[in-house]
Amino acid sequence: KAVVSTQSTGEIHDIIAKNMTKIEKDFKTKSTTYNNLKTNLAQHEKKESGSLVTRNLGPIVKEEDFVVSSEYLITVVVVVPKMSYKEWEGSYWKLADFVVPGSSKKIVEDGEQALYTVTMFRKTLDAFKNNARERKFVVRDFTYSKEKIEQSKKEVTNLQKAKVKAYVPLIRWLKGNFSEAFVNWVHVKALRLFTESVLRYGLPATFMTAVLEPNKKSEKKLREKLYSMYGNLDKSAV
């Protein structure tokens, strides 16, 4: 049984446009929230890998590797290229005055570089950095703080939980609204079919519109059949 709409094509178009605008707005809001969480988490995780020159040192070092709460002494971390291990170990205390001999300790290496700690008097730090740079030793800008390390771990954990929490409702929303969007799209197709039919065949609209869904192998055959039946109505319709 045919259903006759009492609304004009313009009114139907406005309803569809309103529905799609709401879906698009909601999608942007929800996807932006999720993608921001995903990006922030990826940035944190990226810092946990890669070169020792840029990697987050919190998970690598331990409190016992540092002299902490000292007014005069400071422990710094230095990235040394693999080819320069012997040079570093044989000369690090000569890079500046007041560097503590025997204080250097290799913390970790990744095949290309190694991370060393070394302790010195605070007043000689700038000179040590300049001389280390000339030898291609990279002094990391890092101060050990147990509180900051714990805070960083907590941030990553919270982001992971927030990402998981946002993912499930987003997928649920996408599944539900995909159906809604698809229905709207089919209605747009129906409006277009009706409008083009009126423009092509004129008024009154004494024609029937139908949707045919052939399988891929039969599409060409169906078009040929339709043309053989209705091609005389309008050559441009094919």
C-alpha atoms as a PDB file:
ATOM      1  CA  LYS A   1       0.000   0.000   0.000  1.00  0.00           C
ATOM      2  CA  ALA A   2       1.399   3.351  -1.030  1.00  0.00           C
ATOM      3  CA  VAL A   3       1.956   5.997   1.635  1.00  0.00           C
ATOM      4  CA  VAL A   4       1.108   9.520   0.533  1.00  0.00           C
ATOM      5  CA  SER A   5       3.054  12.309   2.215  1.00  0.00           C
ATOM      6  CA  THR A   6       1.235  15.534   3.010  1.00  0.00           C
ATOM      7  CA  GLN A   7       4.541  17.434   3.216  1.00  0.00           C
ATOM      8  CA  SER A   8       6.174  19.242   0.336  1.00  0.00           C
ATOM      9  CA  THR A   9       9.561  18.212  -0.984  1.00  0.00           C
ATOM     10  CA  GLY A  10      10.999  21.400   0.534  1.00  0.00           C
ATOM     11  CA  GLU A  11       9.667  20.524   3.977  1.00  0.00           C
ATOM     12  CA  ILE A  12      10.995  16.982   3.713  1.00  0.00           C
ATOM     13  CA  HIS A  13      14.379  18.323   2.628  1.00  0.00           C
ATOM     14  CA  ASP A  14      14.509  20.668   5.636  1.00  0.00           C
ATOM     15  CA  ILE A  15      13.707  17.816   8.037  1.00  0.00           C
ATOM     16  CA  ILE A  16      16.464  15.641   6.560  1.00  0.00           C
ATOM     17  CA  ALA A  17      18.961  18.525   6.597  1.00  0.00           C
ATOM     18  CA  LYS A  18      18.139  19.248  10.245  1.00  0.00           C
ATOM     19  CA  ASN A  19      18.644  15.599  11.222  1.00  0.00           C
ATOM     20  CA  MET A  20      21.948  15.355   9.359  1.00  0.00           C
ATOM     21  CA  THR A  21      23.215  18.629  10.823  1.00  0.00           C
ATOM     22  CA  LYS A  22      22.562  17.319  14.336  1.00  0.00           C
ATOM     23  CA  ILE A  23      24.286  14.010  13.569  1.00  0.00           C
ATOM     24  CA  GLU A  24      27.299  15.819  12.103  1.00  0.00           C
ATOM     25  CA  LYS A  25      27.538  18.194  15.082  1.00  0.00           C
ATOM     26  CA  ASP A  26      27.315  15.341  17.605  1.00  0.00           C
ATOM     27  CA  PHE A  27      29.868  13.323  15.654  1.00  0.00           C
ATOM     28  CA  LYS A  28      32.374  16.192  15.627  1.00  0.00           C
ATOM     29  CA  THR A  29      31.985  16.679  19.378  1.00  0.00           C
ATOM     30  CA  LYS A  30      32.317  13.002  20.283  1.00  0.00           C
ATOM     31  CA  SER A  31      35.116  12.229  17.815  1.00  0.00           C
ATOM     32  CA  THR A  32      37.088  15.324  18.843  1.00  0.00           C
ATOM     33  CA  THR A  33      36.902  14.312  22.502  1.00  0.00           C
ATOM     34  CA  TYR A  34      38.074  10.773  21.724  1.00  0.00           C
ATOM     35  CA  ASN A  35      40.808  11.868  19.299  1.00  0.00           C
ATOM     36  CA  ASN A  36      42.170  14.376  21.835  1.00  0.00           C
ATOM     37  CA  LEU A  37      42.481  11.587  24.398  1.00  0.00           C
ATOM     38  CA  LYS A  38      44.093   9.327  21.799  1.00  0.00           C
ATOM     39  CA  THR A  39      46.578  12.031  20.750  1.00  0.00           C
ATOM     40  CA  ASN A  40      47.537  12.940  24.311  1.00  0.00           C
ATOM     41  CA  LEU A  41      48.073   9.282  25.178  1.00  0.00           C
ATOM     42  CA  ALA A  42      50.154   8.728  22.033  1.00  0.00           C
ATOM     43  CA  GLN A  43      52.348  11.698  22.936  1.00  0.00           C
ATOM     44  CA  HIS A  44      52.977  10.292  26.415  1.00  0.00           C
ATOM     45  CA  GLU A  45      53.691   6.817  25.035  1.00  0.00           C
ATOM     46  CA  LYS A  46      56.032   8.250  22.407  1.00  0.00           C
ATOM     47  CA  LYS A  47      58.122   9.769  25.179  1.00  0.00           C
ATOM     48  CA  GLU A  48      58.555   6.301  26.663  1.00  0.00           C
ATOM     49  CA  SER A  49      60.374   5.042  23.562  1.00  0.00           C
ATOM     50  CA  GLY A  50      62.819   6.283  20.961  1.00  0.00           C
ATOM     51  CA  SER A  51      66.227   7.849  21.442  1.00  0.00           C
ATOM     52  CA  LEU A  52      67.696   8.370  24.905  1.00  0.00           C
ATOM     53  CA  VAL A  53      68.171  12.003  23.888  1.00  0.00           C
ATOM     54  CA  THR A  54      64.401  12.600  23.931  1.00  0.00           C
ATOM     55  CA  ARG A  55      62.936   9.686  25.895  1.00  0.00           C
ATOM     56  CA  ASN A  56      61.174  10.227  29.199  1.00  0.00           C
ATOM     57  CA  LEU A  57      63.736   9.249  31.827  1.00  0.00           C
ATOM     58  CA  GLY A  58      61.295   8.736  34.687  1.00  0.00           C
ATOM     59  CA  PRO A  59      60.725   4.991  34.102  1.00  0.00           C
ATOM     60  CA  ILE A  60      64.463   4.399  33.521  1.00  0.00           C
ATOM     61  CA  VAL A  61      66.267   6.000  36.457  1.00  0.00           C
ATOM     62  CA  LYS A  62      66.023   5.244  40.175  1.00  0.00           C
ATOM     63  CA  GLU A  63      66.321   7.470  43.202  1.00  0.00           C
ATOM     64  CA  GLU A  64      69.565   5.762  44.293  1.00  0.00           C
ATOM     65  CA  ASP A  65      71.183   6.906  41.029  1.00  0.00           C
ATOM     66  CA  PHE A  66      71.073  10.536  42.207  1.00  0.00           C
ATOM     67  CA  VAL A  67      72.343  12.794  44.925  1.00  0.00           C
ATOM     68  CA  VAL A  68      69.157  14.515  46.062  1.00  0.00           C
ATOM     69  CA  SER A  69      68.446  17.333  48.499  1.00  0.00           C
ATOM     70  CA  SER A  70      72.036  18.573  48.441  1.00  0.00           C
ATOM     71  CA  GLU A  71      72.809  22.269  48.549  1.00  0.00           C
ATOM     72  CA  TYR A  72      76.152  21.894  46.774  1.00  0.00           C
ATOM     73  CA  LEU A  73      76.115  18.642  44.768  1.00  0.00           C
ATOM     74  CA  ILE A  74      74.028  17.704  41.742  1.00  0.00           C
ATOM     75  CA  THR A  75      73.749  14.550  39.673  1.00  0.00           C
ATOM     76  CA  VAL A  76      73.183  14.973  35.937  1.00  0.00           C
ATOM     77  CA  VAL A  77      72.375  12.436  33.240  1.00  0.00           C
ATOM     78  CA  VAL A  78      74.408  12.350  30.044  1.00  0.00           C
ATOM     79  CA  VAL A  79      73.744  10.545  26.749  1.00  0.00           C
ATOM     80  CA  VAL A  80      76.966   9.144  25.300  1.00  0.00           C
ATOM     81  CA  PRO A  81      77.296   7.674  21.765  1.00  0.00           C
ATOM     82  CA  LYS A  82      78.377   4.026  21.652  1.00  0.00           C
ATOM     83  CA  MET A  83      81.661   4.843  19.939  1.00  0.00           C
ATOM     84  CA  SER A  84      82.543   7.227  22.784  1.00  0.00           C
ATOM     85  CA  TYR A  85      81.987   4.979  25.826  1.00  0.00           C
ATOM     86  CA  LYS A  86      85.708   4.573  26.510  1.00  0.00           C
ATOM     87  CA  GLU A  87      86.358   8.265  25.985  1.00  0.00           C
ATOM     88  CA  TRP A  88      83.613   9.164  28.462  1.00  0.00           C
ATOM     89  CA  GLU A  89      84.671   6.680  31.105  1.00  0.00           C
ATOM     90  CA  GLY A  90      88.282   7.795  30.840  1.00  0.00           C
ATOM     91  CA  SER A  91      87.752  11.540  30.904  1.00  0.00           C
ATOM     92  CA  TYR A  92      84.355  12.620  32.262  1.00  0.00           C
ATOM     93  CA  TRP A  93      85.858  14.023  35.484  1.00  0.00           C
ATOM     94  CA  LYS A  94      88.190  16.213  33.388  1.00  0.00           C
ATOM     95  CA  LEU A  95      85.375  18.008  31.554  1.00  0.00           C
ATOM     96  CA  ALA A  96      85.187  20.631  34.333  1.00  0.00           C
ATOM     97  CA  ASP A  97      86.508  21.397  37.787  1.00  0.00           C
ATOM     98  CA  PHE A  98      84.809  19.858  40.812  1.00  0.00           C
ATOM     99  CA  VAL A  99      83.430  16.773  39.015  1.00  0.00           C
ATOM    100  CA  VAL A 100      83.467  13.841  41.438  1.00  0.00           C
ATOM    101  CA  PRO A 101      85.818  11.096  40.148  1.00  0.00           C
ATOM    102  CA  GLY A 102      84.302   7.611  40.215  1.00  0.00           C
ATOM    103  CA  SER A 103      80.742   9.001  40.317  1.00  0.00           C
ATOM    104  CA  SER A 104      79.779   8.053  36.761  1.00  0.00           C
ATOM    105  CA  LYS A 105      77.424   5.117  36.386  1.00  0.00           C
ATOM    106  CA  LYS A 106      75.944   3.565  33.259  1.00  0.00           C
ATOM    107  CA  ILE A 107      72.174   3.355  33.732  1.00  0.00           C
ATOM    108  CA  VAL A 108      70.993   1.869  30.439  1.00  0.00           C
ATOM    109  CA  GLU A 109      71.993   1.529  26.790  1.00  0.00           C
ATOM    110  CA  ASP A 110      69.946   0.988  23.650  1.00  0.00           C
ATOM    111  CA  GLY A 111      72.559  -0.219  21.168  1.00  0.00           C
ATOM    112  CA  GLU A 112      73.397   3.214  19.795  1.00  0.00           C
ATOM    113  CA  GLN A 113      73.800   5.247  22.985  1.00  0.00           C
ATOM    114  CA  ALA A 114      74.116   4.864  26.725  1.00  0.00           C
ATOM    115  CA  LEU A 115      72.756   6.914  29.583  1.00  0.00           C
ATOM    116  CA  TYR A 116      75.294   7.779  32.301  1.00  0.00           C
ATOM    117  CA  THR A 117      74.958   9.681  35.559  1.00  0.00           C
ATOM    118  CA  VAL A 118      77.727  11.827  37.004  1.00  0.00           C
ATOM    119  CA  THR A 119      77.887  13.949  40.158  1.00  0.00           C
ATOM    120  CA  MET A 120      79.532  17.361  40.502  1.00  0.00           C
ATOM    121  CA  PHE A 121      79.333  20.637  42.363  1.00  0.00           C
ATOM    122  CA  ARG A 122      76.443  22.797  41.171  1.00  0.00           C
ATOM    123  CA  LYS A 123      78.706  25.767  40.429  1.00  0.00           C
ATOM    124  CA  THR A 124      80.534  23.850  37.701  1.00  0.00           C
ATOM    125  CA  LEU A 125      77.463  22.609  35.838  1.00  0.00           C
ATOM    126  CA  ASP A 126      77.486  25.223  33.040  1.00  0.00           C
ATOM    127  CA  ALA A 127      81.155  24.627  32.262  1.00  0.00           C
ATOM    128  CA  PHE A 128      80.576  20.875  32.274  1.00  0.00           C
ATOM    129  CA  LYS A 129      77.667  21.216  29.803  1.00  0.00           C
ATOM    130  CA  ASN A 130      79.725  23.345  27.392  1.00  0.00           C
ATOM    131  CA  ASN A 131      82.697  20.994  27.415  1.00  0.00           C
ATOM    132  CA  ALA A 132      80.471  17.922  27.130  1.00  0.00           C
ATOM    133  CA  ARG A 133      78.733  19.429  24.095  1.00  0.00           C
ATOM    134  CA  GLU A 134      82.097  19.833  22.352  1.00  0.00           C
ATOM    135  CA  ARG A 135      82.723  16.082  22.818  1.00  0.00           C
ATOM    136  CA  LYS A 136      79.198  15.281  21.494  1.00  0.00           C
ATOM    137  CA  PHE A 137      77.986  14.195  24.938  1.00  0.00           C
ATOM    138  CA  VAL A 138      74.375  15.285  25.486  1.00  0.00           C
ATOM    139  CA  VAL A 139      73.546  16.507  28.985  1.00  0.00           C
ATOM    140  CA  ARG A 140      69.829  15.941  29.548  1.00  0.00           C
ATOM    141  CA  ASP A 141      67.806  18.669  31.226  1.00  0.00           C
ATOM    142  CA  PHE A 142      66.516  16.379  33.947  1.00  0.00           C
ATOM    143  CA  THR A 143      66.088  16.780  37.690  1.00  0.00           C
ATOM    144  CA  TYR A 144      65.018  13.727  39.636  1.00  0.00           C
ATOM    145  CA  SER A 145      61.665  14.145  41.340  1.00  0.00           C
ATOM    146  CA  LYS A 146      59.817  11.149  42.676  1.00  0.00           C
ATOM    147  CA  GLU A 147      56.608  13.167  42.848  1.00  0.00           C
ATOM    148  CA  LYS A 148      56.781  14.248  39.195  1.00  0.00           C
ATOM    149  CA  ILE A 149      57.563  10.718  38.037  1.00  0.00           C
ATOM    150  CA  GLU A 150      54.559   9.333  39.943  1.00  0.00           C
ATOM    151  CA  GLN A 151      52.391  12.136  38.580  1.00  0.00           C
ATOM    152  CA  SER A 152      53.461  11.328  35.000  1.00  0.00           C
ATOM    153  CA  LYS A 153      52.610   7.634  35.516  1.00  0.00           C
ATOM    154  CA  LYS A 154      49.240   8.594  36.945  1.00  0.00           C
ATOM    155  CA  GLU A 155      48.497  10.842  33.952  1.00  0.00           C
ATOM    156  CA  VAL A 156      49.211   7.997  31.518  1.00  0.00           C
ATOM    157  CA  THR A 157      47.006   5.606  33.521  1.00  0.00           C
ATOM    158  CA  ASN A 158      44.174   8.145  33.632  1.00  0.00           C
ATOM    159  CA  LEU A 159      44.435   8.772  29.882  1.00  0.00           C
ATOM    160  CA  GLN A 160      44.328   5.041  29.168  1.00  0.00           C
ATOM    161  CA  LYS A 161      41.204   4.635  31.301  1.00  0.00           C
ATOM    162  CA  ALA A 162      39.558   7.707  29.763  1.00  0.00           C
ATOM    163  CA  LYS A 163      40.283   6.459  26.238  1.00  0.00           C
ATOM    164  CA  VAL A 164      38.701   3.064  26.937  1.00  0.00           C
ATOM    165  CA  LYS A 165      35.759   4.729  28.652  1.00  0.00           C
ATOM    166  CA  ALA A 166      35.155   7.039  25.666  1.00  0.00           C
ATOM    167  CA  TYR A 167      35.624   4.344  23.005  1.00  0.00           C
ATOM    168  CA  VAL A 168      32.691   2.062  23.805  1.00  0.00           C
ATOM    169  CA  PRO A 169      29.952   4.756  23.814  1.00  0.00           C
ATOM    170  CA  LEU A 170      31.480   6.300  20.673  1.00  0.00           C
ATOM    171  CA  ILE A 171      31.228   3.001  18.776  1.00  0.00           C
ATOM    172  CA  ARG A 172      27.698   2.474  20.095  1.00  0.00           C
ATOM    173  CA  TRP A 173      26.737   5.975  18.942  1.00  0.00           C
ATOM    174  CA  LEU A 174      28.331   5.446  15.517  1.00  0.00           C
ATOM    175  CA  LYS A 175      26.429   2.200  14.941  1.00  0.00           C
ATOM    176  CA  GLY A 176      23.099   3.773  15.879  1.00  0.00           C
ATOM    177  CA  ASN A 177      23.588   6.986  13.944  1.00  0.00           C
ATOM    178  CA  PHE A 178      25.011   5.305  10.871  1.00  0.00           C
ATOM    179  CA  SER A 179      21.598   3.703  10.420  1.00  0.00           C
ATOM    180  CA  GLU A 180      19.916   7.078  10.908  1.00  0.00           C
ATOM    181  CA  ALA A 181      22.257   8.753   8.416  1.00  0.00           C
ATOM    182  CA  PHE A 182      21.742   5.968   5.891  1.00  0.00           C
ATOM    183  CA  VAL A 183      17.961   6.294   6.142  1.00  0.00           C
ATOM    184  CA  ASN A 184      18.274  10.040   5.567  1.00  0.00           C
ATOM    185  CA  TRP A 185      20.508   9.400   2.565  1.00  0.00           C
ATOM    186  CA  VAL A 186      17.927   7.014   1.061  1.00  0.00           C
ATOM    187  CA  HIS A 187      15.257   9.681   1.549  1.00  0.00           C
ATOM    188  CA  VAL A 188      17.461  12.196  -0.282  1.00  0.00           C
ATOM    189  CA  LYS A 189      17.777   9.700  -3.136  1.00  0.00           C
ATOM    190  CA  ALA A 190      13.986   9.310  -3.204  1.00  0.00           C
ATOM    191  CA  LEU A 191      13.516  13.092  -3.308  1.00  0.00           C
ATOM    192  CA  ARG A 192      16.021  13.369  -6.127  1.00  0.00           C
ATOM    193  CA  LEU A 193      14.320  10.569  -8.053  1.00  0.00           C
ATOM    194  CA  PHE A 194      10.931  12.214  -7.692  1.00  0.00           C
ATOM    195  CA  THR A 195      12.181  15.670  -8.622  1.00  0.00           C
ATOM    196  CA  GLU A 196      14.137  14.504 -11.673  1.00  0.00           C
ATOM    197  CA  SER A 197      11.198  12.375 -12.779  1.00  0.00           C
ATOM    198  CA  VAL A 198       8.875  15.385 -12.715  1.00  0.00           C
ATOM    199  CA  LEU A 199      11.448  17.471 -14.582  1.00  0.00           C
ATOM    200  CA  ARG A 200      11.901  14.732 -17.168  1.00  0.00           C
ATOM    201  CA  TYR A 201       8.343  13.485 -17.665  1.00  0.00           C
ATOM    202  CA  GLY A 202       6.326  16.492 -16.529  1.00  0.00           C
ATOM    203  CA  LEU A 203       3.137  16.842 -14.515  1.00  0.00           C
ATOM    204  CA  PRO A 204       0.887  15.325 -13.383  1.00  0.00           C
ATOM    205  CA  ALA A 205       3.207  12.859 -11.639  1.00  0.00           C
ATOM    206  CA  THR A 206       1.463   9.775 -13.011  1.00  0.00           C
ATOM    207  CA  PHE A 207       4.444   7.475 -12.605  1.00  0.00           C
ATOM    208  CA  MET A 208       5.716   5.020 -10.059  1.00  0.00           C
ATOM    209  CA  THR A 209       9.187   5.129  -8.554  1.00  0.00           C
ATOM    210  CA  ALA A 210      10.931   1.982  -7.404  1.00  0.00           C
ATOM    211  CA  VAL A 211      14.290   0.883  -6.056  1.00  0.00           C
ATOM    212  CA  LEU A 212      15.957  -2.147  -7.604  1.00  0.00           C
ATOM    213  CA  GLU A 213      18.950  -3.916  -6.058  1.00  0.00           C
ATOM    214  CA  PRO A 214      20.566  -6.312  -8.524  1.00  0.00           C
ATOM    215  CA  ASN A 215      23.669  -8.308  -7.733  1.00  0.00           C
ATOM    216  CA  LYS A 216      26.891  -7.027  -9.299  1.00  0.00           C
ATOM    217  CA  LYS A 217      26.847  -9.566 -12.130  1.00  0.00           C
ATOM    218  CA  SER A 218      23.318  -8.594 -13.190  1.00  0.00           C
ATOM    219  CA  GLU A 219      23.624  -4.789 -13.082  1.00  0.00           C
ATOM    220  CA  LYS A 220      24.517  -4.362 -16.767  1.00  0.00           C
ATOM    221  CA  LYS A 221      21.810  -6.815 -17.842  1.00  0.00           C
ATOM    222  CA  LEU A 222      19.207  -4.944 -15.751  1.00  0.00           C
ATOM    223  CA  ARG A 223      20.140  -1.590 -17.283  1.00  0.00           C
ATOM    224  CA  GLU A 224      19.825  -3.052 -20.780  1.00  0.00           C
ATOM    225  CA  LYS A 225      16.422  -4.527 -19.922  1.00  0.00           C
ATOM    226  CA  LEU A 226      15.121  -1.272 -18.475  1.00  0.00           C
ATOM    227  CA  TYR A 227      16.325   0.625 -21.521  1.00  0.00           C
ATOM    228  CA  SER A 228      14.607  -1.824 -23.848  1.00  0.00           C
ATOM    229  CA  MET A 229      11.350  -1.298 -21.916  1.00  0.00           C
ATOM    230  CA  TYR A 230      11.420   2.447 -21.214  1.00  0.00           C
ATOM    231  CA  GLY A 231      14.131   3.921 -23.406  1.00  0.00           C
ATOM    232  CA  ASN A 232      11.529   5.431 -25.704  1.00  0.00           C
ATOM    233  CA  LEU A 233      10.347   7.763 -22.930  1.00  0.00           C
ATOM    234  CA  ASP A 234      13.569   9.758 -22.760  1.00  0.00           C
ATOM    235  CA  LYS A 235      16.905   8.952 -24.420  1.00  0.00           C
ATOM    236  CA  SER A 236      18.814  11.006 -21.840  1.00  0.00           C
ATOM    237  CA  ALA A 237      17.515   8.759 -19.025  1.00  0.00           C
ATOM    238  CA  VAL A 238      20.022   6.026 -19.947  1.00  0.00           C
END
